């Protein structure tokens, strides 16, 4: 599945839940999405707290949550993630580490 298609699936899911409606209890605005993204990323880190290994199936689900919020935030902000990744890769290729 292409990134754009995946982003569309996430958008449809959120729309079907009614979370884009103005009176939603979970407003899908950039601020809230950024907070949710950070919280989900922290859950990824939590799997390594006090241990070196993680459960791959659980980690896959946590990473899916992170990606969900990345895709949704990009959509709400009208950011072309494919282009953004390519731009960042080009910048990093020129960067001295």
PDB file of N, CA and C in Angstrom:
ATOM      1  N   UNK A   1       0.846  -1.174   0.000  1.00  0.00           N
ATOM      2  CA  UNK A   1       0.000   0.000   0.000  1.00  0.00           C
ATOM      3  C   UNK A   1       0.894   1.241   0.000  1.00  0.00           C
ATOM      4  N   UNK A   2       0.555   2.208  -0.803  1.00  0.00           N
ATOM      5  CA  UNK A   2       1.279   3.471  -0.890  1.00  0.00           C
ATOM      6  C   UNK A   2       1.004   4.318   0.363  1.00  0.00           C
ATOM      7  N   UNK A   3       1.922   5.224   0.664  1.00  0.00           N
ATOM      8  CA  UNK A   3       1.774   6.088   1.835  1.00  0.00           C
ATOM      9  C   UNK A   3       0.502   6.922   1.759  1.00  0.00           C
ATOM     10  N   UNK A   4       0.211   7.459   0.582  1.00  0.00           N
ATOM     11  CA  UNK A   4      -1.008   8.266   0.406  1.00  0.00           C
ATOM     12  C   UNK A   4      -2.266   7.438   0.683  1.00  0.00           C
ATOM     13  N   UNK A   5      -2.250   6.188   0.248  1.00  0.00           N
ATOM     14  CA  UNK A   5      -3.395   5.307   0.486  1.00  0.00           C
ATOM     15  C   UNK A   5      -3.558   5.018   1.973  1.00  0.00           C
ATOM     16  N   UNK A   6      -2.441   4.791   2.635  1.00  0.00           N
ATOM     17  CA  UNK A   6      -2.458   4.536   4.070  1.00  0.00           C
ATOM     18  C   UNK A   6      -2.999   5.759   4.812  1.00  0.00           C
ATOM     19  N   UNK A   7      -2.552   6.929   4.408  1.00  0.00           N
ATOM     20  CA  UNK A   7      -3.026   8.170   5.010  1.00  0.00           C
ATOM     21  C   UNK A   7      -4.537   8.314   4.800  1.00  0.00           C
ATOM     22  N   UNK A   8      -5.015   7.959   3.628  1.00  0.00           N
ATOM     23  CA  UNK A   8      -6.448   8.038   3.342  1.00  0.00           C
ATOM     24  C   UNK A   8      -7.237   7.066   4.224  1.00  0.00           C
ATOM     25  N   UNK A   9      -6.702   5.878   4.451  1.00  0.00           N
ATOM     26  CA  UNK A   9      -7.363   4.904   5.324  1.00  0.00           C
ATOM     27  C   UNK A   9      -7.501   5.454   6.744  1.00  0.00           C
ATOM     28  N   UNK A  10      -6.444   6.082   7.235  1.00  0.00           N
ATOM     29  CA  UNK A  10      -6.479   6.677   8.574  1.00  0.00           C
ATOM     30  C   UNK A  10      -7.510   7.802   8.615  1.00  0.00           C
ATOM     31  N   UNK A  11      -7.518   8.651   7.601  1.00  0.00           N
ATOM     32  CA  UNK A  11      -8.472   9.760   7.539  1.00  0.00           C
ATOM     33  C   UNK A  11      -9.904   9.242   7.536  1.00  0.00           C
ATOM     34  N   UNK A  12     -10.173   8.224   6.758  1.00  0.00           N
ATOM     35  CA  UNK A  12     -11.519   7.645   6.703  1.00  0.00           C
ATOM     36  C   UNK A  12     -11.918   7.053   8.048  1.00  0.00           C
ATOM     37  N   UNK A  13     -10.974   6.370   8.717  1.00  0.00           N
ATOM     38  CA  UNK A  13     -11.247   5.794  10.028  1.00  0.00           C
ATOM     39  C   UNK A  13     -11.649   6.883  11.021  1.00  0.00           C
ATOM     40  N   UNK A  14     -10.861   7.954  11.058  1.00  0.00           N
ATOM     41  CA  UNK A  14     -11.121   9.045  11.996  1.00  0.00           C
ATOM     42  C   UNK A  14     -12.446   9.729  11.662  1.00  0.00           C
ATOM     43  N   UNK A  15     -12.699   9.935  10.391  1.00  0.00           N
ATOM     44  CA  UNK A  15     -13.963  10.543   9.964  1.00  0.00           C
ATOM     45  C   UNK A  15     -15.142   9.657  10.361  1.00  0.00           C
ATOM     46  N   UNK A  16     -15.011   8.346  10.146  1.00  0.00           N
ATOM     47  CA  UNK A  16     -16.086   7.419  10.507  1.00  0.00           C
ATOM     48  C   UNK A  16     -16.374   7.424  12.008  1.00  0.00           C
ATOM     49  N   UNK A  17     -15.365   7.670  12.817  1.00  0.00           N
ATOM     50  CA  UNK A  17     -15.545   7.744  14.271  1.00  0.00           C
ATOM     51  C   UNK A  17     -16.180   9.068  14.704  1.00  0.00           C
ATOM     52  N   UNK A  18     -16.244  10.033  13.769  1.00  0.00           N
ATOM     53  CA  UNK A  18     -16.832  11.318  14.079  1.00  0.00           C
ATOM     54  C   UNK A  18     -15.886  12.276  14.783  1.00  0.00           C
ATOM     55  N   UNK A  19     -14.606  11.974  14.768  1.00  0.00           N
ATOM     56  CA  UNK A  19     -13.627  12.779  15.512  1.00  0.00           C
ATOM     57  C   UNK A  19     -13.251  14.075  14.803  1.00  0.00           C
ATOM     58  N   UNK A  20     -13.672  14.248  13.544  1.00  0.00           N
ATOM     59  CA  UNK A  20     -13.417  15.507  12.843  1.00  0.00           C
ATOM     60  C   UNK A  20     -14.574  16.491  13.020  1.00  0.00           C
ATOM     61  N   UNK A  21     -15.644  16.055  13.625  1.00  0.00           N
ATOM     62  CA  UNK A  21     -16.795  16.941  13.831  1.00  0.00           C
ATOM     63  C   UNK A  21     -16.438  18.022  14.852  1.00  0.00           C
ATOM     64  N   UNK A  22     -17.027  19.197  14.666  1.00  0.00           N
ATOM     65  CA  UNK A  22     -16.736  20.346  15.532  1.00  0.00           C
ATOM     66  C   UNK A  22     -17.051  20.070  17.000  1.00  0.00           C
ATOM     67  N   UNK A  23     -18.071  19.251  17.262  1.00  0.00           N
ATOM     68  CA  UNK A  23     -18.475  18.987  18.647  1.00  0.00           C
ATOM     69  C   UNK A  23     -17.875  17.692  19.204  1.00  0.00           C
ATOM     70  N   UNK A  24     -16.845  17.173  18.558  1.00  0.00           N
ATOM     71  CA  UNK A  24     -16.221  15.927  18.998  1.00  0.00           C
ATOM     72  C   UNK A  24     -15.588  16.073  20.378  1.00  0.00           C
ATOM     73  N   UNK A  25     -15.702  15.034  21.178  1.00  0.00           N
ATOM     74  CA  UNK A  25     -15.041  15.008  22.484  1.00  0.00           C
ATOM     75  C   UNK A  25     -13.527  14.847  22.321  1.00  0.00           C
ATOM     76  N   UNK A  26     -13.108  14.453  21.131  1.00  0.00           N
ATOM     77  CA  UNK A  26     -11.686  14.270  20.819  1.00  0.00           C
ATOM     78  C   UNK A  26     -11.329  15.101  19.574  1.00  0.00           C
ATOM     79  N   UNK A  27     -11.275  16.417  19.719  1.00  0.00           N
ATOM     80  CA  UNK A  27     -11.002  17.280  18.558  1.00  0.00           C
ATOM     81  C   UNK A  27      -9.666  16.935  17.901  1.00  0.00           C
ATOM     82  N   UNK A  28      -9.706  16.704  16.621  1.00  0.00           N
ATOM     83  CA  UNK A  28      -8.514  16.306  15.872  1.00  0.00           C
ATOM     84  C   UNK A  28      -7.829  17.543  15.292  1.00  0.00           C
ATOM     85  N   UNK A  29      -7.321  18.361  16.181  1.00  0.00           N
ATOM     86  CA  UNK A  29      -6.606  19.577  15.805  1.00  0.00           C
ATOM     87  C   UNK A  29      -5.108  19.321  15.978  1.00  0.00           C
ATOM     88  N   UNK A  30      -4.267  20.085  15.282  1.00  0.00           N
ATOM     89  CA  UNK A  30      -2.822  19.825  15.334  1.00  0.00           C
ATOM     90  C   UNK A  30      -2.254  19.688  16.749  1.00  0.00           C
ATOM     91  N   UNK A  31      -2.639  20.567  17.657  1.00  0.00           N
ATOM     92  CA  UNK A  31      -2.132  20.496  19.030  1.00  0.00           C
ATOM     93  C   UNK A  31      -2.434  19.137  19.661  1.00  0.00           C
ATOM     94  N   UNK A  32      -3.678  18.700  19.588  1.00  0.00           N
ATOM     95  CA  UNK A  32      -4.074  17.432  20.197  1.00  0.00           C
ATOM     96  C   UNK A  32      -3.398  16.249  19.519  1.00  0.00           C
ATOM     97  N   UNK A  33      -3.255  16.322  18.205  1.00  0.00           N
ATOM     98  CA  UNK A  33      -2.601  15.238  17.480  1.00  0.00           C
ATOM     99  C   UNK A  33      -1.117  15.158  17.834  1.00  0.00           C
ATOM    100  N   UNK A  34      -0.465  16.312  17.992  1.00  0.00           N
ATOM    101  CA  UNK A  34       0.949  16.327  18.377  1.00  0.00           C
ATOM    102  C   UNK A  34       1.129  15.746  19.776  1.00  0.00           C
ATOM    103  N   UNK A  35       0.233  16.072  20.682  1.00  0.00           N
ATOM    104  CA  UNK A  35       0.292  15.509  22.035  1.00  0.00           C
ATOM    105  C   UNK A  35       0.106  13.998  21.979  1.00  0.00           C
ATOM    106  N   UNK A  36      -0.872  13.552  21.224  1.00  0.00           N
ATOM    107  CA  UNK A  36      -1.133  12.110  21.103  1.00  0.00           C
ATOM    108  C   UNK A  36       0.059  11.386  20.494  1.00  0.00           C
ATOM    109  N   UNK A  37       0.688  12.012  19.503  1.00  0.00           N
ATOM    110  CA  UNK A  37       1.874  11.429  18.883  1.00  0.00           C
ATOM    111  C   UNK A  37       2.979  11.235  19.922  1.00  0.00           C
ATOM    112  N   UNK A  38       3.220  12.238  20.735  1.00  0.00           N
ATOM    113  CA  UNK A  38       4.260  12.133  21.768  1.00  0.00           C
ATOM    114  C   UNK A  38       3.919  11.067  22.808  1.00  0.00           C
ATOM    115  N   UNK A  39       2.667  10.993  23.179  1.00  0.00           N
ATOM    116  CA  UNK A  39       2.250   9.981  24.153  1.00  0.00           C
ATOM    117  C   UNK A  39       2.437   8.575  23.596  1.00  0.00           C
ATOM    118  N   UNK A  40       2.083   8.380  22.339  1.00  0.00           N
ATOM    119  CA  UNK A  40       2.268   7.066  21.726  1.00  0.00           C
ATOM    120  C   UNK A  40       3.749   6.723  21.582  1.00  0.00           C
ATOM    121  N   UNK A  41       4.574   7.718  21.242  1.00  0.00           N
ATOM    122  CA  UNK A  41       6.018   7.489  21.144  1.00  0.00           C
ATOM    123  C   UNK A  41       6.588   7.096  22.504  1.00  0.00           C
ATOM    124  N   UNK A  42       6.070   7.693  23.567  1.00  0.00           N
ATOM    125  CA  UNK A  42       6.506   7.327  24.912  1.00  0.00           C
ATOM    126  C   UNK A  42       6.136   5.881  25.228  1.00  0.00           C
ATOM    127  N   UNK A  43       5.021   5.410  24.709  1.00  0.00           N
ATOM    128  CA  UNK A  43       4.634   4.017  24.923  1.00  0.00           C
ATOM    129  C   UNK A  43       5.612   3.066  24.234  1.00  0.00           C
ATOM    130  N   UNK A  44       6.189   3.497  23.114  1.00  0.00           N
ATOM    131  CA  UNK A  44       7.231   2.697  22.461  1.00  0.00           C
ATOM    132  C   UNK A  44       8.413   2.556  23.418  1.00  0.00           C
ATOM    133  N   UNK A  45       8.837   3.649  23.987  1.00  0.00           N
ATOM    134  CA  UNK A  45       9.971   3.649  24.912  1.00  0.00           C
ATOM    135  C   UNK A  45       9.682   2.829  26.159  1.00  0.00           C
ATOM    136  N   UNK A  46       8.445   2.866  26.607  1.00  0.00           N
ATOM    137  CA  UNK A  46       8.047   2.133  27.803  1.00  0.00           C
ATOM    138  C   UNK A  46       8.336   0.627  27.686  1.00  0.00           C
ATOM    139  N   UNK A  47       8.276   0.108  26.475  1.00  0.00           N
ATOM    140  CA  UNK A  47       8.525  -1.326  26.279  1.00  0.00           C
ATOM    141  C   UNK A  47       9.975  -1.711  26.561  1.00  0.00           C
ATOM    142  N   UNK A  48      10.865  -0.726  26.607  1.00  0.00           N
ATOM    143  CA  UNK A  48      12.266  -0.999  26.889  1.00  0.00           C
ATOM    144  C   UNK A  48      12.655  -0.639  28.321  1.00  0.00           C
ATOM    145  N   UNK A  49      11.705  -0.090  29.058  1.00  0.00           N
ATOM    146  CA  UNK A  49      12.009   0.274  30.440  1.00  0.00           C
ATOM    147  C   UNK A  49      12.287  -0.977  31.249  1.00  0.00           C
ATOM    148  N   UNK A  50      13.446  -1.019  31.861  1.00  0.00           N
ATOM    149  CA  UNK A  50      13.882  -2.107  32.731  1.00  0.00           C
ATOM    150  C   UNK A  50      14.216  -3.383  31.991  1.00  0.00           C
ATOM    151  N   UNK A  51      14.321  -3.334  30.686  1.00  0.00           N
ATOM    152  CA  UNK A  51      14.658  -4.548  29.926  1.00  0.00           C
ATOM    153  C   UNK A  51      15.320  -4.178  28.608  1.00  0.00           C
ATOM    154  N   UNK A  52      16.046  -5.109  28.048  1.00  0.00           N
ATOM    155  CA  UNK A  52      16.765  -4.890  26.793  1.00  0.00           C
ATOM    156  C   UNK A  52      15.939  -5.291  25.572  1.00  0.00           C
ATOM    157  N   UNK A  53      15.055  -6.238  25.741  1.00  0.00           N
ATOM    158  CA  UNK A  53      14.258  -6.792  24.643  1.00  0.00           C
ATOM    159  C   UNK A  53      12.814  -6.311  24.750  1.00  0.00           C
ATOM    160  N   UNK A  54      12.099  -6.436  23.641  1.00  0.00           N
ATOM    161  CA  UNK A  54      10.675  -6.102  23.663  1.00  0.00           C
ATOM    162  C   UNK A  54       9.906  -7.188  22.916  1.00  0.00           C
ATOM    163  N   UNK A  55       8.622  -7.220  23.179  1.00  0.00           N
ATOM    164  CA  UNK A  55       7.729  -8.128  22.468  1.00  0.00           C
ATOM    165  C   UNK A  55       7.458  -7.511  21.100  1.00  0.00           C
ATOM    166  N   UNK A  56       7.857  -8.183  20.033  1.00  0.00           N
ATOM    167  CA  UNK A  56       7.750  -7.623  18.681  1.00  0.00           C
ATOM    168  C   UNK A  56       6.302  -7.357  18.267  1.00  0.00           C
ATOM    169  N   UNK A  57       5.381  -8.216  18.647  1.00  0.00           N
ATOM    170  CA  UNK A  57       3.980  -8.005  18.277  1.00  0.00           C
ATOM    171  C   UNK A  57       3.413  -6.769  18.966  1.00  0.00           C
ATOM    172  N   UNK A  58       3.727  -6.606  20.251  1.00  0.00           N
ATOM    173  CA  UNK A  58       3.272  -5.424  20.970  1.00  0.00           C
ATOM    174  C   UNK A  58       3.927  -4.166  20.404  1.00  0.00           C
ATOM    175  N   UNK A  59       5.219  -4.275  20.075  1.00  0.00           N
ATOM    176  CA  UNK A  59       5.929  -3.128  19.520  1.00  0.00           C
ATOM    177  C   UNK A  59       5.341  -2.734  18.163  1.00  0.00           C
ATOM    178  N   UNK A  60       4.981  -3.711  17.363  1.00  0.00           N
ATOM    179  CA  UNK A  60       4.379  -3.419  16.059  1.00  0.00           C
ATOM    180  C   UNK A  60       3.100  -2.599  16.224  1.00  0.00           C
ATOM    181  N   UNK A  61       2.306  -2.932  17.219  1.00  0.00           N
ATOM    182  CA  UNK A  61       1.064  -2.194  17.460  1.00  0.00           C
ATOM    183  C   UNK A  61       1.346  -0.778  17.962  1.00  0.00           C
ATOM    184  N   UNK A  62       2.365  -0.632  18.803  1.00  0.00           N
ATOM    185  CA  UNK A  62       2.731   0.708  19.280  1.00  0.00           C
ATOM    186  C   UNK A  62       3.241   1.569  18.123  1.00  0.00           C
ATOM    187  N   UNK A  63       4.077   0.986  17.271  1.00  0.00           N
ATOM    188  CA  UNK A  63       4.588   1.729  16.121  1.00  0.00           C
ATOM    189  C   UNK A  63       3.454   2.104  15.171  1.00  0.00           C
ATOM    190  N   UNK A  64       2.468   1.230  15.048  1.00  0.00           N
ATOM    191  CA  UNK A  64       1.303   1.539  14.216  1.00  0.00           C
ATOM    192  C   UNK A  64       0.550   2.745  14.788  1.00  0.00           C
ATOM    193  N   UNK A  65       0.435   2.814  16.117  1.00  0.00           N
ATOM    194  CA  UNK A  65      -0.212   3.966  16.744  1.00  0.00           C
ATOM    195  C   UNK A  65       0.556   5.249  16.436  1.00  0.00           C
ATOM    196  N   UNK A  66       1.891   5.194  16.533  1.00  0.00           N
ATOM    197  CA  UNK A  66       2.717   6.361  16.239  1.00  0.00           C
ATOM    198  C   UNK A  66       2.506   6.791  14.790  1.00  0.00           C
ATOM    199  N   UNK A  67       2.564   5.841  13.880  1.00  0.00           N
ATOM    200  CA  UNK A  67       2.394   6.166  12.466  1.00  0.00           C
ATOM    201  C   UNK A  67       1.004   6.738  12.193  1.00  0.00           C
ATOM    202  N   UNK A  68       0.007   6.196  12.862  1.00  0.00           N
ATOM    203  CA  UNK A  68      -1.355   6.715  12.720  1.00  0.00           C
ATOM    204  C   UNK A  68      -1.375   8.216  12.986  1.00  0.00           C
ATOM    205  N   UNK A  69      -0.776   8.634  14.093  1.00  0.00           N
ATOM    206  CA  UNK A  69      -0.792  10.055  14.432  1.00  0.00           C
ATOM    207  C   UNK A  69       0.094  10.882  13.515  1.00  0.00           C
ATOM    208  N   UNK A  70       1.200  10.333  13.048  1.00  0.00           N
ATOM    209  CA  UNK A  70       2.038  11.047  12.082  1.00  0.00           C
ATOM    210  C   UNK A  70       1.239  11.294  10.799  1.00  0.00           C
ATOM    211  N   UNK A  71       0.587  10.266  10.306  1.00  0.00           N
ATOM    212  CA  UNK A  71      -0.197  10.396   9.078  1.00  0.00           C
ATOM    213  C   UNK A  71      -1.343  11.380   9.248  1.00  0.00           C
ATOM    214  N   UNK A  72      -2.012  11.296  10.384  1.00  0.00           N
ATOM    215  CA  UNK A  72      -3.155  12.168  10.609  1.00  0.00           C
ATOM    216  C   UNK A  72      -2.707  13.621  10.773  1.00  0.00           C
ATOM    217  N   UNK A  73      -1.629  13.853  11.510  1.00  0.00           N
ATOM    218  CA  UNK A  73      -1.132  15.215  11.694  1.00  0.00           C
ATOM    219  C   UNK A  73      -0.693  15.809  10.360  1.00  0.00           C
ATOM    220  N   UNK A  74      -0.021  15.020   9.558  1.00  0.00           N
ATOM    221  CA  UNK A  74       0.386  15.496   8.228  1.00  0.00           C
ATOM    222  C   UNK A  74      -0.837  15.844   7.384  1.00  0.00           C
ATOM    223  N   UNK A  75      -1.869  15.029   7.463  1.00  0.00           N
ATOM    224  CA  UNK A  75      -3.079  15.282   6.685  1.00  0.00           C
ATOM    225  C   UNK A  75      -3.758  16.568   7.138  1.00  0.00           C
ATOM    226  N   UNK A  76      -3.913  16.740   8.434  1.00  0.00           N
ATOM    227  CA  UNK A  76      -4.572  17.931   8.973  1.00  0.00           C
ATOM    228  C   UNK A  76      -3.790  19.199   8.617  1.00  0.00           C
ATOM    229  N   UNK A  77      -2.455  19.101   8.601  1.00  0.00           N
ATOM    230  CA  UNK A  77      -1.616  20.253   8.274  1.00  0.00           C
ATOM    231  C   UNK A  77      -1.318  20.376   6.787  1.00  0.00           C
ATOM    232  N   UNK A  78      -1.897  19.466   5.989  1.00  0.00           N
ATOM    233  CA  UNK A  78      -1.701  19.448   4.540  1.00  0.00           C
ATOM    234  C   UNK A  78      -0.209  19.376   4.170  1.00  0.00           C
ATOM    235  N   UNK A  79       0.480  18.421   4.794  1.00  0.00           N
ATOM    236  CA  UNK A  79       1.901  18.190   4.532  1.00  0.00           C
ATOM    237  C   UNK A  79       2.040  16.923   3.701  1.00  0.00           C
ATOM    238  N   UNK A  80       2.777  17.025   2.617  1.00  0.00           N
ATOM    239  CA  UNK A  80       3.069  15.874   1.770  1.00  0.00           C
ATOM    240  C   UNK A  80       4.239  15.136   2.415  1.00  0.00           C
ATOM    241  N   UNK A  81       3.932  14.062   3.123  1.00  0.00           N
ATOM    242  CA  UNK A  81       4.965  13.334   3.857  1.00  0.00           C
ATOM    243  C   UNK A  81       6.015  12.711   2.953  1.00  0.00           C
ATOM    244  N   UNK A  82       5.594  12.220   1.813  1.00  0.00           N
ATOM    245  CA  UNK A  82       6.571  11.630   0.889  1.00  0.00           C
ATOM    246  C   UNK A  82       7.610  12.675   0.488  1.00  0.00           C
ATOM    247  N   UNK A  83       7.143  13.875   0.146  1.00  0.00           N
ATOM    248  CA  UNK A  83       8.055  14.945  -0.228  1.00  0.00           C
ATOM    249  C   UNK A  83       8.897  15.391   0.959  1.00  0.00           C
ATOM    250  N   UNK A  84       8.288  15.471   2.126  1.00  0.00           N
ATOM    251  CA  UNK A  84       9.017  15.891   3.323  1.00  0.00           C
ATOM    252  C   UNK A  84      10.146  14.912   3.654  1.00  0.00           C
ATOM    253  N   UNK A  85       9.881  13.627   3.526  1.00  0.00           N
ATOM    254  CA  UNK A  85      10.916  12.619   3.800  1.00  0.00           C
ATOM    255  C   UNK A  85      12.044  12.731   2.779  1.00  0.00           C
ATOM    256  N   UNK A  86      11.689  12.898   1.525  1.00  0.00           N
ATOM    257  CA  UNK A  86      12.726  13.019   0.494  1.00  0.00           C
ATOM    258  C   UNK A  86      13.568  14.280   0.691  1.00  0.00           C
ATOM    259  N   UNK A  87      12.927  15.372   1.071  1.00  0.00           N
ATOM    260  CA  UNK A  87      13.645  16.621   1.344  1.00  0.00           C
ATOM    261  C   UNK A  87      14.593  16.438   2.524  1.00  0.00           C
ATOM    262  N   UNK A  88      14.109  15.804   3.567  1.00  0.00           N
ATOM    263  CA  UNK A  88      14.942  15.592   4.757  1.00  0.00           C
ATOM    264  C   UNK A  88      16.102  14.657   4.456  1.00  0.00           C
ATOM    265  N   UNK A  89      15.856  13.615   3.670  1.00  0.00           N
ATOM    266  CA  UNK A  89      16.949  12.713   3.279  1.00  0.00           C
ATOM    267  C   UNK A  89      18.026  13.459   2.500  1.00  0.00           C
ATOM    268  N   UNK A  90      17.604  14.322   1.592  1.00  0.00           N
ATOM    269  CA  UNK A  90      18.557  15.112   0.808  1.00  0.00           C
ATOM    270  C   UNK A  90      19.377  16.020   1.721  1.00  0.00           C
ATOM    271  N   UNK A  91      18.719  16.650   2.681  1.00  0.00           N
ATOM    272  CA  UNK A  91      19.434  17.502   3.633  1.00  0.00           C
ATOM    273  C   UNK A  91      20.428  16.687   4.451  1.00  0.00           C
ATOM    274  N   UNK A  92      20.013  15.530   4.899  1.00  0.00           N
ATOM    275  CA  UNK A  92      20.882  14.699   5.746  1.00  0.00           C
ATOM    276  C   UNK A  92      22.071  14.140   4.952  1.00  0.00           C
ATOM    277  N   UNK A  93      21.884  13.899   3.674  1.00  0.00           N
ATOM    278  CA  UNK A  93      23.005  13.421   2.851  1.00  0.00           C
ATOM    279  C   UNK A  93      24.135  14.453   2.780  1.00  0.00           C
ATOM    280  N   UNK A  94      23.778  15.718   2.843  1.00  0.00           N
ATOM    281  CA  UNK A  94      24.750  16.798   2.769  1.00  0.00           C
ATOM    282  C   UNK A  94      25.321  17.175   4.151  1.00  0.00           C
ATOM    283  N   UNK A  95      24.724  16.663   5.157  1.00  0.00           N
ATOM    284  CA  UNK A  95      25.079  17.027   6.522  1.00  0.00           C
ATOM    285  C   UNK A  95      26.334  16.289   6.977  1.00  0.00           C
ATOM    286  N   UNK A  96      27.152  16.954   7.776  1.00  0.00           N
ATOM    287  CA  UNK A  96      28.334  16.329   8.387  1.00  0.00           C
ATOM    288  C   UNK A  96      27.940  15.832   9.764  1.00  0.00           C
ATOM    289  N   UNK A  97      28.144  14.566  10.005  1.00  0.00           N
ATOM    290  CA  UNK A  97      27.764  13.967  11.279  1.00  0.00           C
ATOM    291  C   UNK A  97      28.943  13.936  12.205  1.00  0.00           C
TER     292      UNK A  97
END
